[in-house]
Amino acid sequence: MLELSKIRVGKPSLKQLLVGGLGSVIGVAGFIVTVAVYVVETLIRPKKIVSFADLYKISPFELELPAEAVTFPASNSDHMVNGWYIPYPGATTTILVCPGYRSGMADVLGMCAHLWKAGHNVLVFEYYGHGQEVGKPVTLGYREINDFMGAVAYAKERAPHARLGVIAYSMGAAVAIMCSAHCQDVEAIVADSSFATHWSVIDYNVHRVLHLPAAPFTWVADYLLWWRAGYRFDQVAPLRDIGKIAPRPILIIHGGKDSLVDPRDAPLLYEAAGEPKELWIVPEADHCGAYFADRRAYVSRVLSFFEEHLKKSRPRLQLVEGEGTGAMLPRPAERAEEITGLSEAS
């Protein structure tokens, strides 16, 4: 019978330790790079619509909305953006409705119907590559600002004297915050489920899936994103811009059980915003789920927000001194090209 006490275990040599250590390092590095590549490719790769549910969604026809299918050019880009324009007779306001990452116009059509019935013109659009139209790689709010600014220009062209509000979701809300900070045409914003920064939303999802610190994976992904899509995470940061929206009002909505955007991002955005501002956390709601948690309360709050800040309040004028007379004249609205570092198409 073999006696275990007589078995000698030799000490590993320095060479064995080095080889083993090097293999471990290569394995860990390979795992980090693999995850980073997956993150970037999943983020930017266009998604083809293949399922029955995606192809045959509800349309304005089912809701008896007098919608026109429209296209308009994106600002500083060479593609066209798809939308529905729903005019309301005699309306003095227009609301832009902006879906989120890889979401289409039909996903937010219910809210569009409520806004239209409340007496607003409505322009709902989908970001290029995120809805039915699939083309060049998408980004998470970097190139999409061009689509938003194109929508602003189109809305002002259709109803030049109408006051402009925005309700936007997820990535669309992040884009709306960044653009509205530099575009005085937008006078009231509802931001539902926006992330605070590009970093924060990637960190949150990597940590949620892997249950590991996100830092090494997101650091590598940041460099890969620059190589693949031409931008870095820190170039998309609503948290940096939201303070420039004041004194225009903003309503921030977020679900307390959001599984895609960290619920802690909403209080960060609220603290960084200037007055007037509102924060509404719906504890039981998941991502963009506040509407579905209580449809009546959601619609009432949004409509009341636009009623108070667009229909009842007086238009805001930025004034500058007139030449030679000391008179005060309206300042021209800022345009898309003044959104520094973001408006150039890659």
Protein backbone atom coordinates (compact mmCIF):
# COMPACT_ATOMS: atom_id res chain seq x y z
CA MET A 1 0.00 0.00 0.00
CA LEU A 2 1.36 3.40 -1.01
CA GLU A 3 2.38 5.56 1.95
CA LEU A 4 1.54 9.21 1.31
CA SER A 5 4.14 10.33 3.83
CA LYS A 6 6.92 8.99 1.58
CA ILE A 7 5.79 10.99 -1.51
CA ARG A 8 8.01 14.00 -2.05
CA VAL A 9 6.67 17.03 -3.84
CA GLY A 10 9.44 18.96 -5.56
CA LYS A 11 9.53 22.76 -5.43
CA PRO A 12 8.73 24.44 -8.74
CA SER A 13 11.69 25.96 -10.52
CA LEU A 14 11.97 29.66 -11.29
CA LYS A 15 11.35 28.87 -14.96
CA GLN A 16 8.13 27.03 -14.13
CA LEU A 17 6.95 29.95 -11.99
CA LEU A 18 7.70 32.45 -14.73
CA VAL A 19 6.01 30.38 -17.42
CA GLY A 20 2.99 29.76 -15.24
CA GLY A 21 2.78 33.42 -14.25
CA LEU A 22 3.16 34.56 -17.85
CA GLY A 23 0.43 32.18 -18.94
CA SER A 24 -1.89 33.55 -16.28
CA VAL A 25 -1.17 37.13 -17.30
CA ILE A 26 -1.79 36.31 -20.95
CA GLY A 27 -5.01 34.52 -20.03
CA VAL A 28 -6.30 37.44 -17.97
CA ALA A 29 -5.27 39.97 -20.63
CA GLY A 30 -6.94 37.88 -23.29
CA PHE A 31 -10.14 37.72 -21.24
CA ILE A 32 -10.13 41.49 -20.72
CA VAL A 33 -9.56 42.20 -24.42
CA THR A 34 -12.23 39.68 -25.43
CA VAL A 35 -14.81 41.30 -23.16
CA ALA A 36 -13.79 44.79 -24.35
CA VAL A 37 -14.14 43.77 -28.00
CA TYR A 38 -17.55 42.28 -27.27
CA VAL A 39 -18.68 45.47 -25.53
CA VAL A 40 -17.58 47.71 -28.41
CA GLU A 41 -18.93 45.50 -31.19
CA THR A 42 -22.26 45.06 -29.43
CA LEU A 43 -22.45 48.82 -28.89
CA ILE A 44 -21.79 50.00 -32.44
CA ARG A 45 -22.93 47.12 -34.66
CA PRO A 46 -26.16 47.91 -36.56
CA LYS A 47 -29.00 45.53 -35.71
CA LYS A 48 -31.18 44.12 -38.47
CA ILE A 49 -34.88 43.89 -37.73
CA VAL A 50 -35.79 40.20 -38.03
CA SER A 51 -38.62 39.34 -35.65
CA PHE A 52 -42.32 39.51 -36.48
CA ALA A 53 -42.98 41.78 -33.48
CA ASP A 54 -40.32 44.26 -34.62
CA LEU A 55 -41.48 44.34 -38.23
CA TYR A 56 -45.19 44.77 -37.54
CA LYS A 57 -45.58 47.28 -34.74
CA ILE A 58 -48.41 49.69 -34.06
CA SER A 59 -48.62 52.73 -36.35
CA PRO A 60 -50.39 56.12 -36.20
CA PHE A 61 -53.24 54.54 -38.18
CA GLU A 62 -54.35 52.38 -35.25
CA LEU A 63 -54.45 55.45 -32.97
CA GLU A 64 -56.25 57.59 -35.59
CA LEU A 65 -53.46 60.16 -35.59
CA PRO A 66 -53.14 62.45 -38.65
CA ALA A 67 -49.46 61.66 -38.97
CA GLU A 68 -47.30 62.37 -42.00
CA ALA A 69 -44.31 60.15 -42.74
CA VAL A 70 -41.40 62.59 -43.08
CA THR A 71 -37.66 62.57 -43.64
CA PHE A 72 -35.22 65.35 -42.89
CA PRO A 73 -31.45 65.74 -43.06
CA ALA A 74 -29.30 65.23 -40.01
CA SER A 75 -27.16 68.21 -39.09
CA ASN A 76 -23.51 67.98 -40.21
CA SER A 77 -24.08 64.55 -41.75
CA ASP A 78 -25.05 62.96 -45.05
CA HIS A 79 -27.97 60.75 -44.04
CA MET A 80 -31.71 61.31 -43.73
CA VAL A 81 -33.71 60.77 -40.55
CA ASN A 82 -37.13 59.10 -40.52
CA GLY A 83 -40.01 60.51 -38.52
CA TRP A 84 -43.73 61.11 -38.17
CA TYR A 85 -45.02 64.66 -37.97
CA ILE A 86 -48.44 64.99 -36.32
CA PRO A 87 -49.82 68.54 -36.69
CA TYR A 88 -52.49 69.91 -34.35
CA PRO A 89 -54.67 72.73 -35.73
CA GLY A 90 -53.71 76.06 -34.19
CA ALA A 91 -51.04 74.58 -31.93
CA THR A 92 -48.59 77.02 -30.33
CA THR A 93 -46.21 74.28 -29.21
CA THR A 94 -44.30 71.40 -30.79
CA ILE A 95 -42.97 68.42 -28.81
CA LEU A 96 -40.07 66.34 -30.09
CA VAL A 97 -40.37 62.71 -28.99
CA CYS A 98 -37.05 60.85 -29.04
CA PRO A 99 -36.77 57.08 -28.52
CA GLY A 100 -33.58 55.51 -27.21
CA TYR A 101 -30.81 53.15 -28.21
CA ARG A 102 -32.01 50.74 -30.91
CA SER A 103 -35.60 51.80 -30.40
CA GLY A 104 -38.09 52.91 -33.03
CA MET A 105 -40.83 55.49 -33.35
CA ALA A 106 -43.57 52.93 -32.72
CA ASP A 107 -42.16 52.27 -29.23
CA VAL A 108 -43.19 55.76 -28.05
CA LEU A 109 -46.33 56.24 -30.12
CA GLY A 110 -48.63 55.95 -27.10
CA MET A 111 -47.09 59.02 -25.50
CA CYS A 112 -47.26 60.81 -28.85
CA ALA A 113 -51.02 60.28 -28.94
CA HIS A 114 -51.47 61.83 -25.49
CA LEU A 115 -49.32 64.83 -26.41
CA TRP A 116 -51.25 65.40 -29.63
CA LYS A 117 -54.62 65.14 -27.88
CA ALA A 118 -53.38 67.76 -25.41
CA GLY A 119 -52.99 70.24 -28.29
CA HIS A 120 -49.32 69.95 -29.27
CA ASN A 121 -47.77 69.40 -32.67
CA VAL A 122 -45.66 66.24 -32.35
CA LEU A 123 -42.50 65.25 -34.20
CA VAL A 124 -41.34 61.74 -33.34
CA PHE A 125 -38.24 60.34 -35.02
CA GLU A 126 -35.80 57.48 -34.65
CA TYR A 127 -32.05 57.82 -34.57
CA TYR A 128 -30.37 56.62 -37.74
CA GLY A 129 -29.40 52.96 -37.54
CA HIS A 130 -31.34 52.39 -34.32
CA GLY A 131 -34.81 51.71 -35.74
CA GLN A 132 -35.95 50.29 -39.07
CA GLU A 133 -33.13 51.93 -41.01
CA VAL A 134 -29.88 49.99 -40.67
CA GLY A 135 -26.72 51.44 -42.16
CA LYS A 136 -23.38 52.54 -40.80
CA PRO A 137 -22.39 51.63 -37.23
CA VAL A 138 -24.30 53.38 -34.49
CA THR A 139 -22.89 55.12 -31.43
CA LEU A 140 -24.20 55.77 -27.93
CA GLY A 141 -25.06 59.44 -28.31
CA TYR A 142 -22.01 60.75 -30.17
CA ARG A 143 -23.19 60.92 -33.79
CA GLU A 144 -26.86 60.85 -32.78
CA ILE A 145 -26.71 64.52 -31.77
CA ASN A 146 -26.73 65.32 -35.49
CA ASP A 147 -30.12 63.60 -35.85
CA PHE A 148 -31.53 65.54 -32.88
CA MET A 149 -30.38 68.89 -34.24
CA GLY A 150 -31.85 67.97 -37.63
CA ALA A 151 -35.17 67.30 -35.87
CA VAL A 152 -35.04 70.70 -34.14
CA ALA A 153 -34.46 72.43 -37.48
CA TYR A 154 -37.30 70.51 -39.14
CA ALA A 155 -39.74 71.24 -36.30
CA LYS A 156 -38.94 74.96 -36.48
CA GLU A 157 -39.38 74.88 -40.26
CA ARG A 158 -42.83 73.26 -39.98
CA ALA A 159 -44.08 75.55 -37.19
CA PRO A 160 -41.72 78.56 -36.94
CA HIS A 161 -43.62 80.32 -34.15
CA ALA A 162 -44.36 77.26 -32.02
CA ARG A 163 -42.50 76.86 -28.74
CA LEU A 164 -40.41 73.70 -28.65
CA GLY A 165 -40.36 71.01 -25.95
CA VAL A 166 -38.73 67.57 -25.81
CA ILE A 167 -39.53 64.26 -24.18
CA ALA A 168 -36.79 61.70 -24.67
CA TYR A 169 -35.87 58.25 -23.45
CA SER A 170 -32.62 56.52 -22.43
CA MET A 171 -29.86 57.40 -24.94
CA GLY A 172 -32.34 59.78 -26.57
CA ALA A 173 -32.65 61.59 -23.24
CA ALA A 174 -28.87 61.84 -22.92
CA VAL A 175 -28.68 63.31 -26.43
CA ALA A 176 -31.53 65.73 -25.67
CA ILE A 177 -29.72 67.03 -22.58
CA MET A 178 -26.42 67.55 -24.40
CA CYS A 179 -28.02 69.28 -27.38
CA SER A 180 -30.50 71.39 -25.43
CA ALA A 181 -27.65 72.76 -23.34
CA HIS A 182 -26.34 74.41 -26.52
CA CYS A 183 -29.59 75.06 -28.41
CA GLN A 184 -31.87 77.79 -27.11
CA ASP A 185 -34.72 76.65 -29.38
CA VAL A 186 -35.60 73.93 -26.86
CA GLU A 187 -37.54 75.48 -23.98
CA ALA A 188 -38.60 72.52 -21.81
CA ILE A 189 -37.15 69.00 -21.45
CA VAL A 190 -38.44 65.72 -20.03
CA ALA A 191 -35.55 63.25 -19.74
CA ASP A 192 -36.63 59.68 -18.95
CA SER A 193 -33.93 57.14 -17.96
CA SER A 194 -30.90 59.12 -19.15
CA PHE A 195 -27.43 57.99 -18.20
CA ALA A 196 -25.12 60.55 -16.59
CA THR A 197 -22.05 59.66 -18.65
CA HIS A 198 -21.03 57.14 -21.28
CA TRP A 199 -18.57 55.74 -18.73
CA SER A 200 -21.28 55.17 -16.14
CA VAL A 201 -23.65 53.20 -18.36
CA ILE A 202 -20.89 50.91 -19.69
CA ASP A 203 -19.46 50.41 -16.18
CA TYR A 204 -22.90 49.56 -14.81
CA ASN A 205 -23.63 46.94 -17.46
CA VAL A 206 -20.21 45.28 -17.40
CA HIS A 207 -20.32 45.01 -13.61
CA ARG A 208 -23.92 43.77 -13.68
CA VAL A 209 -23.11 40.97 -16.14
CA LEU A 210 -19.65 39.88 -14.94
CA HIS A 211 -19.91 40.70 -11.21
CA LEU A 212 -16.35 41.97 -11.46
CA PRO A 213 -14.81 45.46 -11.28
CA ALA A 214 -15.57 47.08 -14.64
CA ALA A 215 -12.47 49.29 -14.82
CA PRO A 216 -10.01 47.07 -16.76
CA PHE A 217 -12.64 46.08 -19.32
CA THR A 218 -13.96 49.61 -19.89
CA TRP A 219 -10.46 51.10 -20.12
CA VAL A 220 -9.63 48.76 -22.99
CA ALA A 221 -13.07 49.24 -24.54
CA ASP A 222 -12.56 53.00 -24.50
CA TYR A 223 -9.44 52.69 -26.67
CA LEU A 224 -11.09 50.15 -28.96
CA LEU A 225 -14.09 52.46 -29.39
CA TRP A 226 -11.79 55.26 -30.55
CA TRP A 227 -10.28 52.88 -33.11
CA ARG A 228 -13.62 51.47 -34.31
CA ALA A 229 -16.02 54.45 -34.03
CA GLY A 230 -13.83 57.55 -33.75
CA TYR A 231 -14.83 58.77 -30.30
CA ARG A 232 -14.07 58.21 -26.62
CA PHE A 233 -16.40 57.62 -23.69
CA ASP A 234 -15.74 61.00 -22.11
CA GLN A 235 -17.03 62.80 -25.21
CA VAL A 236 -20.59 61.78 -24.28
CA ALA A 237 -21.41 63.22 -20.85
CA PRO A 238 -24.86 64.72 -20.18
CA LEU A 239 -23.72 65.34 -16.61
CA ARG A 240 -21.21 67.87 -17.91
CA ASP A 241 -23.80 69.78 -19.97
CA ILE A 242 -27.02 69.68 -17.99
CA GLY A 243 -26.17 72.76 -15.89
CA LYS A 244 -26.23 74.89 -19.05
CA ILE A 245 -29.94 74.24 -19.64
CA ALA A 246 -31.12 76.55 -16.82
CA PRO A 247 -33.18 78.69 -16.56
CA ARG A 248 -35.15 76.43 -18.88
CA PRO A 249 -37.04 73.69 -16.96
CA ILE A 250 -36.15 70.01 -16.93
CA LEU A 251 -38.03 67.02 -15.52
CA ILE A 252 -35.83 63.98 -14.83
CA ILE A 253 -37.64 60.61 -14.60
CA HIS A 254 -36.02 57.31 -13.65
CA GLY A 255 -36.97 53.81 -12.53
CA GLY A 256 -35.67 52.68 -9.16
CA LYS A 257 -35.08 49.16 -10.53
CA ASP A 258 -33.43 50.18 -13.79
CA SER A 259 -31.36 47.24 -15.05
CA LEU A 260 -29.63 49.11 -17.91
CA VAL A 261 -28.82 52.57 -16.52
CA ASP A 262 -27.68 53.02 -12.92
CA PRO A 263 -30.60 54.54 -10.94
CA ARG A 264 -27.98 56.63 -9.09
CA ASP A 265 -27.37 58.56 -12.32
CA ALA A 266 -30.70 60.40 -11.98
CA PRO A 267 -29.85 62.14 -8.67
CA LEU A 268 -26.43 63.05 -10.11
CA LEU A 269 -28.08 64.74 -13.09
CA TYR A 270 -30.62 66.45 -10.84
CA GLU A 271 -27.91 67.89 -8.57
CA ALA A 272 -25.95 69.18 -11.57
CA ALA A 273 -29.00 70.81 -13.18
CA GLY A 274 -30.03 74.37 -12.46
CA GLU A 275 -33.48 75.57 -11.44
CA PRO A 276 -36.25 75.02 -12.36
CA LYS A 277 -35.87 71.26 -12.13
CA GLU A 278 -37.87 68.23 -11.01
CA LEU A 279 -36.82 64.68 -10.14
CA TRP A 280 -39.31 61.81 -10.21
CA ILE A 281 -38.05 58.37 -9.17
CA VAL A 282 -40.55 55.53 -9.67
CA PRO A 283 -39.27 52.87 -7.24
CA GLU A 284 -40.76 49.76 -8.90
CA ALA A 285 -39.97 50.70 -12.53
CA ASP A 286 -37.27 49.17 -14.74
CA HIS A 287 -35.56 50.97 -17.63
CA CYS A 288 -37.99 53.41 -19.30
CA GLY A 289 -40.69 51.70 -17.29
CA ALA A 290 -42.20 54.62 -15.36
CA TYR A 291 -44.94 54.96 -18.00
CA PHE A 292 -45.90 51.31 -17.65
CA ALA A 293 -45.80 51.38 -13.85
CA ASP A 294 -48.62 53.94 -13.77
CA ARG A 295 -49.73 55.20 -17.18
CA ARG A 296 -52.26 57.68 -15.82
CA ALA A 297 -49.81 59.30 -13.39
CA TYR A 298 -47.04 59.42 -15.99
CA VAL A 299 -49.16 61.05 -18.68
CA SER A 300 -50.65 63.52 -16.19
CA ARG A 301 -47.24 64.60 -14.93
CA VAL A 302 -45.71 65.03 -18.39
CA LEU A 303 -48.69 66.92 -19.80
CA SER A 304 -48.83 69.17 -16.73
CA PHE A 305 -45.10 69.91 -17.11
CA PHE A 306 -45.49 71.07 -20.72
CA GLU A 307 -48.74 72.92 -19.92
CA GLU A 308 -47.01 74.93 -17.20
CA HIS A 309 -43.69 75.58 -18.89
CA LEU A 310 -44.67 75.90 -22.57
CA LYS A 311 -48.33 76.84 -22.88
CA LYS A 312 -48.86 79.05 -19.82
CA SER A 313 -45.42 80.58 -19.26
CA ARG A 314 -44.16 83.48 -21.36
CA PRO A 315 -41.46 82.82 -23.97
CA ARG A 316 -37.93 83.40 -22.76
CA LEU A 317 -35.82 86.09 -24.49
CA GLN A 318 -32.07 86.36 -24.26
CA LEU A 319 -31.18 90.01 -24.69
CA VAL A 320 -28.09 91.78 -25.95
CA GLU A 321 -27.29 95.46 -26.25
CA GLY A 322 -28.21 97.10 -29.55
CA GLU A 323 -25.56 99.05 -31.39
CA GLY A 324 -25.45 102.76 -30.60
CA THR A 325 -28.80 103.00 -28.81
CA GLY A 326 -28.38 100.89 -25.70
CA ALA A 327 -31.62 99.12 -26.66
CA MET A 328 -32.12 95.44 -25.86
CA LEU A 329 -32.66 93.05 -28.76
CA PRO A 330 -33.38 89.30 -28.90
CA ARG A 331 -30.23 87.17 -29.19
CA PRO A 332 -30.30 84.75 -32.15
CA ALA A 333 -30.70 81.09 -31.13
CA GLU A 334 -27.50 79.06 -30.96
CA ARG A 335 -27.09 76.47 -33.69
CA ALA A 336 -25.87 72.88 -33.91
CA GLU A 337 -22.31 73.81 -34.82
CA GLU A 338 -21.84 75.37 -31.38
CA ILE A 339 -22.00 71.97 -29.71
CA THR A 340 -18.23 71.73 -29.38
CA GLY A 341 -16.46 68.47 -30.00
CA LEU A 342 -19.62 66.48 -30.73
CA SER A 343 -21.21 67.72 -33.94
CA GLU A 344 -18.58 66.58 -36.41
CA ALA A 345 -19.57 63.42 -38.27
CA SER A 346 -16.96 60.70 -37.96
